[in-house]
Amino acid sequence: DKGKAVPVTVATVGTKAVPIEITTFGAVQAQSSVQIKAEVGGNLTRVHFRKGQNIKAGDLLFTIDPRSYKAALDQAKANLVRDRALEENALLNAERSQELLRKGFISRSDNDKAQADAKALSAVSHADEAAVINAKLQVEHCSIRSPINGKAGDLLVSEGTLIKANDVPLVTINQIHPIEVFFSIPQADLPSVRTHMAQMKLKVRASLPKDNRPPEEGDLFFIDNAIDKSTGTVKLGALFKNAQESLWPGQFVNVTLVLAVQNDAIVVPTVALQAGREGKFVFVVKPDKTVAVRPVTVNMTAGAETVIEKGLQIGERVVTDGQLRLVPGAKIEIKAEAQENTKTPGGRS
């Protein structure tokens, strides 16, 4: 019966600042991951950290018994002192020999031998200096230090173990401040991402599934140089400070890439939209309390609201509940005005 008013709920079309974003999922990865190995062999006498401890670059991690390496250093130093003394004597002999040759007291061959002896002993001294530097390095390698800031993983050897040089890893250190998140987007979205990235630094939010804490916020820093042909997607990376350590290497996270904010976007509650053969439409309330069908073009859905590209004007009212009983021109009775947070900035967060 067209005469009987249909009870409906309505909402007023308003504007809002709505973020234009791409949502997907990604994987967390340590920015740096270093496997610590021994550069010299020997008895592991001391472990200076606990599993899971925060480590700073330069922190002492392990000590290998340095006594045999210190003995080798002392021997190399002694060889250097001995050969330098021999070199000094040979240089004096060479100088004296030149003088005696000039005065004709010795033959040229005797002088040549004296010069050759001096050169040979100089070379031996240089070799000894290199041996001392190498022996010092071996002693330094007995103290194994962290090359990066990070968090220590499981300890893979225990004190007292005899270890070989460049053999098994002793511990892995992962850098988690900052940390990286990698995710993929459809290739169709790539031009838009590149356009917005050229204008400003793009923000990326990452949160754990079923986690009520606010998402971590980072910056997009990487777009892969090729599209994955098998999936038609391109890989992106974002860098997060991760001060709260809520992101952990190996985790899967929900990712939102914010491209821009569309100011003064025309929005309606998503429940107002109806699907017809021609596409989406809404019931618009006319001044005489009847309704008309209005086709609309949807830009995107942002949570409980939908951004309308064309078809509606600010201030018009649309039906949000009771559409099933409506036909074009039907009389309505407004039960309630839906409380919409329009005309205020800040789209969905």
Protein backbone atom coordinates (compact mmCIF):
# COMPACT_ATOMS: atom_id res chain seq x y z
CA ASP A 1 0.00 0.00 0.00
CA LYS A 2 1.62 3.20 -1.25
CA GLY A 3 -0.37 5.34 1.20
CA LYS A 4 1.07 3.76 4.32
CA ALA A 5 4.37 5.28 5.51
CA VAL A 6 7.28 2.87 5.85
CA PRO A 7 9.32 3.38 9.05
CA VAL A 8 13.00 3.92 8.18
CA THR A 9 16.27 5.15 9.64
CA VAL A 10 18.10 7.85 7.69
CA ALA A 11 21.51 9.50 7.68
CA THR A 12 22.68 12.81 6.29
CA VAL A 13 25.35 12.80 3.56
CA GLY A 14 28.46 14.51 4.92
CA THR A 15 32.15 15.02 4.21
CA LYS A 16 35.18 13.65 5.91
CA ALA A 17 38.95 13.37 5.53
CA VAL A 18 39.35 9.73 4.48
CA PRO A 19 42.72 7.99 4.12
CA ILE A 20 43.36 6.29 0.78
CA GLU A 21 45.04 3.05 1.78
CA ILE A 22 45.97 -0.44 0.67
CA THR A 23 45.51 -3.23 3.21
CA THR A 24 47.34 -6.54 2.97
CA PHE A 25 49.52 -8.77 5.13
CA GLY A 26 53.28 -9.04 5.45
CA ALA A 27 56.18 -10.73 7.22
CA VAL A 28 58.56 -9.21 9.75
CA GLN A 29 62.28 -9.55 9.10
CA ALA A 30 65.33 -8.53 11.15
CA GLN A 31 67.11 -5.59 9.52
CA SER A 32 70.44 -7.38 10.10
CA SER A 33 71.03 -10.96 11.16
CA VAL A 34 74.59 -12.00 11.99
CA GLN A 35 75.85 -15.50 12.76
CA ILE A 36 78.78 -15.14 15.14
CA LYS A 37 81.65 -17.56 14.43
CA ALA A 38 85.12 -17.94 15.93
CA GLU A 39 88.02 -16.73 13.74
CA VAL A 40 90.52 -18.75 15.79
CA GLY A 41 90.30 -22.21 17.31
CA GLY A 42 90.70 -23.01 20.98
CA ASN A 43 88.99 -23.65 24.27
CA LEU A 44 85.89 -21.44 24.87
CA THR A 45 86.65 -20.21 28.38
CA ARG A 46 83.89 -17.63 28.90
CA VAL A 47 80.43 -16.63 27.63
CA HIS A 48 79.70 -12.99 28.56
CA PHE A 49 75.93 -12.74 27.83
CA ARG A 50 72.61 -14.50 28.41
CA LYS A 51 70.30 -15.94 25.76
CA GLY A 52 67.79 -13.33 24.58
CA GLN A 53 69.83 -10.43 25.96
CA ASN A 54 69.97 -7.05 24.21
CA ILE A 55 73.46 -6.64 22.75
CA LYS A 56 75.25 -3.45 21.68
CA ALA A 57 77.80 -3.28 18.87
CA GLY A 58 81.25 -3.89 20.38
CA ASP A 59 79.97 -5.86 23.41
CA LEU A 60 82.21 -8.77 24.41
CA LEU A 61 80.39 -12.05 23.71
CA PHE A 62 82.94 -14.88 24.05
CA THR A 63 86.50 -15.40 25.24
CA ILE A 64 88.70 -18.14 23.75
CA ASP A 65 91.76 -19.21 25.77
CA PRO A 66 94.41 -16.78 24.45
CA ARG A 67 97.54 -18.27 26.08
CA SER A 68 98.93 -20.11 23.05
CA TYR A 69 98.25 -17.04 20.86
CA LYS A 70 99.95 -14.71 23.38
CA ALA A 71 102.95 -17.06 23.40
CA ALA A 72 103.07 -16.91 19.58
CA LEU A 73 102.90 -13.09 19.79
CA ASP A 74 105.79 -13.01 22.29
CA GLN A 75 107.83 -15.25 19.98
CA ALA A 76 107.05 -13.04 16.95
CA LYS A 77 108.10 -9.93 18.92
CA ALA A 78 111.36 -11.66 19.99
CA ASN A 79 112.11 -12.64 16.37
CA LEU A 80 111.54 -9.02 15.33
CA VAL A 81 113.97 -7.69 17.99
CA ARG A 82 116.63 -10.25 16.99
CA ASP A 83 116.30 -9.62 13.25
CA ARG A 84 116.21 -5.83 13.66
CA ALA A 85 119.54 -6.04 15.53
CA LEU A 86 121.01 -8.17 12.73
CA GLU A 87 119.57 -5.71 10.16
CA GLU A 88 121.15 -2.71 11.91
CA ASN A 89 124.53 -4.47 11.96
CA ALA A 90 124.17 -5.42 8.27
CA LEU A 91 123.29 -1.81 7.35
CA LEU A 92 126.38 -0.53 9.18
CA ASN A 93 128.50 -3.15 7.39
CA ALA A 94 127.00 -2.10 4.03
CA GLU A 95 127.79 1.57 4.72
CA ARG A 96 131.36 0.71 5.82
CA SER A 97 131.78 -1.52 2.76
CA GLN A 98 130.82 1.35 0.41
CA GLU A 99 133.50 3.54 2.01
CA LEU A 100 136.15 0.77 1.76
CA LEU A 101 135.25 0.15 -1.90
CA ARG A 102 135.62 3.86 -2.66
CA LYS A 103 139.13 3.77 -1.09
CA GLY A 104 139.94 0.55 -2.98
CA PHE A 105 140.44 -1.63 0.11
CA ILE A 106 137.86 -4.30 -0.88
CA SER A 107 136.65 -5.80 -4.13
CA ARG A 108 133.30 -4.86 -5.75
CA SER A 109 131.99 -8.40 -5.17
CA ASP A 110 132.65 -8.11 -1.40
CA ASN A 111 130.71 -4.82 -1.37
CA ASP A 112 127.84 -6.36 -3.39
CA LYS A 113 127.58 -9.18 -0.83
CA ALA A 114 127.46 -6.68 2.06
CA GLN A 115 124.67 -4.69 0.31
CA ALA A 116 122.71 -7.87 -0.45
CA ASP A 117 123.00 -9.06 3.18
CA ALA A 118 121.61 -5.72 4.41
CA LYS A 119 118.68 -5.89 1.99
CA ALA A 120 117.91 -9.50 2.91
CA LEU A 121 117.88 -8.71 6.63
CA SER A 122 115.66 -5.64 6.02
CA ALA A 123 113.18 -7.95 4.24
CA VAL A 124 113.34 -10.40 7.16
CA SER A 125 112.56 -7.53 9.58
CA HIS A 126 109.56 -6.48 7.47
CA ALA A 127 108.32 -10.09 7.47
CA ASP A 128 108.75 -10.17 11.27
CA GLU A 129 106.68 -6.95 11.60
CA ALA A 130 103.89 -8.56 9.57
CA ALA A 131 104.11 -11.69 11.75
CA VAL A 132 103.75 -9.53 14.91
CA ILE A 133 100.66 -7.78 13.44
CA ASN A 134 99.14 -11.17 12.53
CA ALA A 135 99.90 -12.61 15.99
CA LYS A 136 98.27 -9.54 17.62
CA LEU A 137 95.18 -10.11 15.47
CA GLN A 138 95.01 -13.74 16.59
CA VAL A 139 95.10 -12.60 20.24
CA GLU A 140 92.36 -10.02 19.52
CA HIS A 141 90.25 -12.72 17.85
CA CYS A 142 90.24 -14.60 21.17
CA SER A 143 87.82 -11.89 22.36
CA ILE A 144 84.72 -12.18 20.13
CA ARG A 145 82.63 -8.97 20.00
CA SER A 146 79.25 -8.17 18.46
CA PRO A 147 79.38 -6.28 15.12
CA ILE A 148 75.80 -4.95 15.50
CA ASN A 149 73.15 -3.83 17.99
CA GLY A 150 70.54 -6.53 18.42
CA LYS A 151 69.11 -9.36 20.46
CA ALA A 152 71.00 -12.57 21.11
CA GLY A 153 69.34 -15.83 20.11
CA ASP A 154 69.93 -19.29 21.54
CA LEU A 155 73.46 -20.07 22.71
CA LEU A 156 74.71 -22.87 20.44
CA VAL A 157 77.89 -23.75 22.37
CA SER A 158 78.73 -23.92 26.07
CA GLU A 159 81.76 -22.83 28.10
CA GLY A 160 84.61 -25.33 28.01
CA THR A 161 83.91 -26.48 24.44
CA LEU A 162 86.89 -26.85 22.11
CA ILE A 163 85.94 -24.92 18.99
CA LYS A 164 87.46 -24.68 15.51
CA ALA A 165 88.01 -21.53 13.49
CA ASN A 166 85.16 -20.63 11.09
CA ASP A 167 83.23 -23.74 12.05
CA VAL A 168 79.69 -23.76 13.52
CA PRO A 169 77.90 -20.51 14.57
CA LEU A 170 78.16 -19.76 18.29
CA VAL A 171 75.06 -17.51 18.40
CA THR A 172 72.87 -15.52 15.99
CA ILE A 173 72.19 -11.84 16.69
CA ASN A 174 69.11 -10.21 15.12
CA GLN A 175 68.76 -6.46 14.89
CA ILE A 176 65.17 -5.57 15.86
CA HIS A 177 65.57 -1.79 16.39
CA PRO A 178 64.74 -0.83 13.70
CA ILE A 179 63.00 -3.77 12.03
CA GLU A 180 61.66 -4.37 8.51
CA VAL A 181 58.29 -5.59 7.26
CA PHE A 182 57.93 -6.91 3.70
CA PHE A 183 54.59 -7.24 1.92
CA SER A 184 53.21 -7.52 -1.61
CA ILE A 185 50.63 -5.43 -3.46
CA PRO A 186 48.88 -6.10 -6.82
CA GLN A 187 50.78 -4.70 -9.78
CA ALA A 188 47.74 -2.54 -10.64
CA ASP A 189 48.38 -0.51 -7.46
CA LEU A 190 52.06 0.12 -8.25
CA PRO A 191 51.64 3.31 -10.37
CA SER A 192 49.55 4.93 -7.62
CA VAL A 193 52.11 3.97 -4.94
CA ARG A 194 55.01 5.34 -7.01
CA THR A 195 53.15 8.59 -7.73
CA HIS A 196 52.39 9.20 -4.05
CA MET A 197 55.89 8.09 -2.99
CA ALA A 198 57.42 10.71 -5.28
CA GLN A 199 55.43 13.42 -3.46
CA MET A 200 56.10 12.42 0.16
CA LYS A 201 57.26 9.69 2.54
CA LEU A 202 54.51 7.09 2.75
CA LYS A 203 53.42 5.75 6.14
CA VAL A 204 52.84 2.05 6.76
CA ARG A 205 50.99 0.59 9.75
CA ALA A 206 51.60 -2.96 10.98
CA SER A 207 49.64 -4.81 13.63
CA LEU A 208 49.39 -8.37 14.85
CA PRO A 209 46.15 -10.24 14.13
CA LYS A 210 43.80 -10.19 17.18
CA ASP A 211 45.98 -7.57 18.93
CA ASN A 212 44.17 -4.61 20.50
CA ARG A 213 47.27 -2.45 20.86
CA PRO A 214 47.71 0.50 18.47
CA PRO A 215 49.56 -0.53 15.31
CA GLU A 216 53.26 0.22 14.87
CA GLU A 217 53.92 2.98 12.34
CA GLY A 218 56.82 2.98 9.90
CA ASP A 219 57.99 4.39 6.58
CA LEU A 220 57.96 2.77 3.15
CA PHE A 221 61.60 2.51 2.01
CA PHE A 222 61.69 -0.17 -0.66
CA ILE A 223 59.88 -1.15 -3.88
CA ASP A 224 61.26 -4.22 -5.62
CA ASN A 225 62.73 -3.68 -9.08
CA ALA A 226 60.62 -6.40 -10.71
CA ILE A 227 57.08 -7.77 -10.59
CA ASP A 228 56.63 -11.40 -9.57
CA LYS A 229 55.22 -12.93 -12.78
CA SER A 230 53.75 -15.96 -11.01
CA THR A 231 51.55 -13.85 -8.68
CA GLY A 232 51.29 -10.49 -10.50
CA THR A 233 52.40 -8.69 -7.34
CA VAL A 234 55.32 -6.46 -6.40
CA LYS A 235 57.24 -6.65 -3.11
CA LEU A 236 57.47 -3.58 -0.85
CA GLY A 237 59.34 -3.00 2.39
CA ALA A 238 58.78 -0.67 5.35
CA LEU A 239 61.10 0.28 8.21
CA PHE A 240 59.75 0.45 11.79
CA LYS A 241 61.48 1.85 14.89
CA ASN A 242 59.86 -0.96 16.92
CA ALA A 243 60.64 0.73 20.25
CA GLN A 244 58.14 -1.49 22.11
CA GLU A 245 59.47 -4.66 20.44
CA SER A 246 55.95 -5.60 19.41
CA LEU A 247 57.24 -6.75 16.00
CA TRP A 248 59.38 -9.90 16.00
CA PRO A 249 61.37 -11.53 13.17
CA GLY A 250 59.30 -14.20 11.40
CA GLN A 251 55.87 -12.85 12.46
CA PHE A 252 52.99 -12.38 10.02
CA VAL A 253 51.30 -9.00 10.43
CA ASN A 254 48.38 -7.02 9.00
CA VAL A 255 49.74 -4.16 6.91
CA THR A 256 48.10 -0.89 5.87
CA LEU A 257 49.89 1.35 3.37
CA VAL A 258 48.53 4.92 3.55
CA LEU A 259 48.84 6.59 0.14
CA ALA A 260 47.13 9.92 0.88
CA VAL A 261 44.23 11.54 2.72
CA GLN A 262 41.24 12.54 0.61
CA ASN A 263 39.88 15.71 2.24
CA ASP A 264 36.17 16.56 1.99
CA ALA A 265 35.29 13.12 0.66
CA ILE A 266 31.51 12.58 0.40
CA VAL A 267 30.66 9.67 2.71
CA VAL A 268 27.54 7.70 3.60
CA PRO A 269 27.09 4.74 5.95
CA THR A 270 27.91 1.55 4.03
CA VAL A 271 24.54 0.07 5.08
CA ALA A 272 22.77 2.70 2.92
CA LEU A 273 24.10 1.11 -0.28
CA GLN A 274 21.91 -1.32 -2.20
CA ALA A 275 22.94 -3.52 -5.12
CA GLY A 276 20.84 -3.44 -8.29
CA ARG A 277 21.22 -4.76 -11.81
CA GLU A 278 22.68 -1.45 -12.96
CA GLY A 279 25.06 -1.22 -10.00
CA LYS A 280 24.95 0.40 -6.57
CA PHE A 281 22.11 2.74 -5.56
CA VAL A 282 20.66 4.44 -2.48
CA PHE A 283 17.18 5.61 -1.46
CA VAL A 284 17.26 9.42 -1.15
CA VAL A 285 14.66 11.16 1.06
CA LYS A 286 12.77 13.90 -0.84
CA PRO A 287 11.33 17.02 0.89
CA ASP A 288 7.80 15.51 0.73
CA LYS A 289 8.87 12.48 2.82
CA THR A 290 8.94 10.13 -0.15
CA VAL A 291 11.98 8.30 -1.51
CA ALA A 292 13.72 8.21 -4.87
CA VAL A 293 16.22 5.69 -6.20
CA ARG A 294 19.61 7.29 -6.93
CA PRO A 295 22.43 5.38 -8.69
CA VAL A 296 25.84 6.14 -7.14
CA THR A 297 29.47 5.55 -8.07
CA VAL A 298 31.50 4.16 -5.18
CA ASN A 299 35.11 5.28 -4.75
CA MET A 300 36.04 2.98 -1.85
CA THR A 301 34.78 1.57 1.43
CA ALA A 302 36.46 2.77 4.61
CA GLY A 303 35.18 0.67 7.49
CA ALA A 304 31.52 1.37 8.23
CA GLU A 305 31.48 4.21 5.68
CA THR A 306 31.68 4.37 1.93
CA VAL A 307 33.21 7.19 -0.10
CA ILE A 308 30.88 8.22 -2.95
CA GLU A 309 32.52 9.51 -6.11
CA LYS A 310 29.31 10.79 -7.73
CA GLY A 311 25.55 10.64 -7.32
CA LEU A 312 25.03 12.45 -3.98
CA GLN A 313 25.23 15.98 -2.61
CA ILE A 314 26.26 17.09 0.88
CA GLY A 315 23.22 17.53 3.12
CA GLU A 316 20.99 15.03 1.29
CA ARG A 317 19.49 12.28 3.44
CA VAL A 318 19.68 8.59 2.59
CA VAL A 319 17.86 5.57 4.05
CA THR A 320 20.11 3.32 6.17
CA ASP A 321 17.54 0.83 7.49
CA GLY A 322 14.14 -0.36 6.20
CA GLN A 323 15.02 -0.42 2.48
CA LEU A 324 13.45 -3.86 1.93
CA ARG A 325 9.92 -2.41 2.04
CA LEU A 326 10.68 0.61 -0.12
CA VAL A 327 9.85 1.30 -3.76
CA PRO A 328 10.47 4.54 -5.67
CA GLY A 329 7.99 7.20 -4.49
CA ALA A 330 7.06 5.34 -1.29
CA LYS A 331 6.07 7.45 1.71
CA ILE A 332 8.31 7.10 4.74
CA GLU A 333 8.22 7.77 8.43
CA ILE A 334 11.66 8.62 9.86
CA LYS A 335 12.21 6.56 13.01
CA ALA A 336 15.69 7.90 13.77
CA GLU A 337 18.54 9.87 12.31
CA ALA A 338 21.70 7.71 12.28
CA GLN A 339 24.42 9.34 14.34
CA GLU A 340 27.17 9.90 11.81
CA ASN A 341 30.57 11.27 12.61
CA THR A 342 30.62 13.29 9.38
CA LYS A 343 31.86 16.82 8.79
CA THR A 344 34.75 16.00 11.15
CA PRO A 345 38.24 15.14 9.94
CA GLY A 346 40.00 11.86 10.55
CA GLY A 347 38.86 8.86 8.57
CA ARG A 348 39.16 5.36 9.93
CA SER A 349 42.24 4.66 11.90
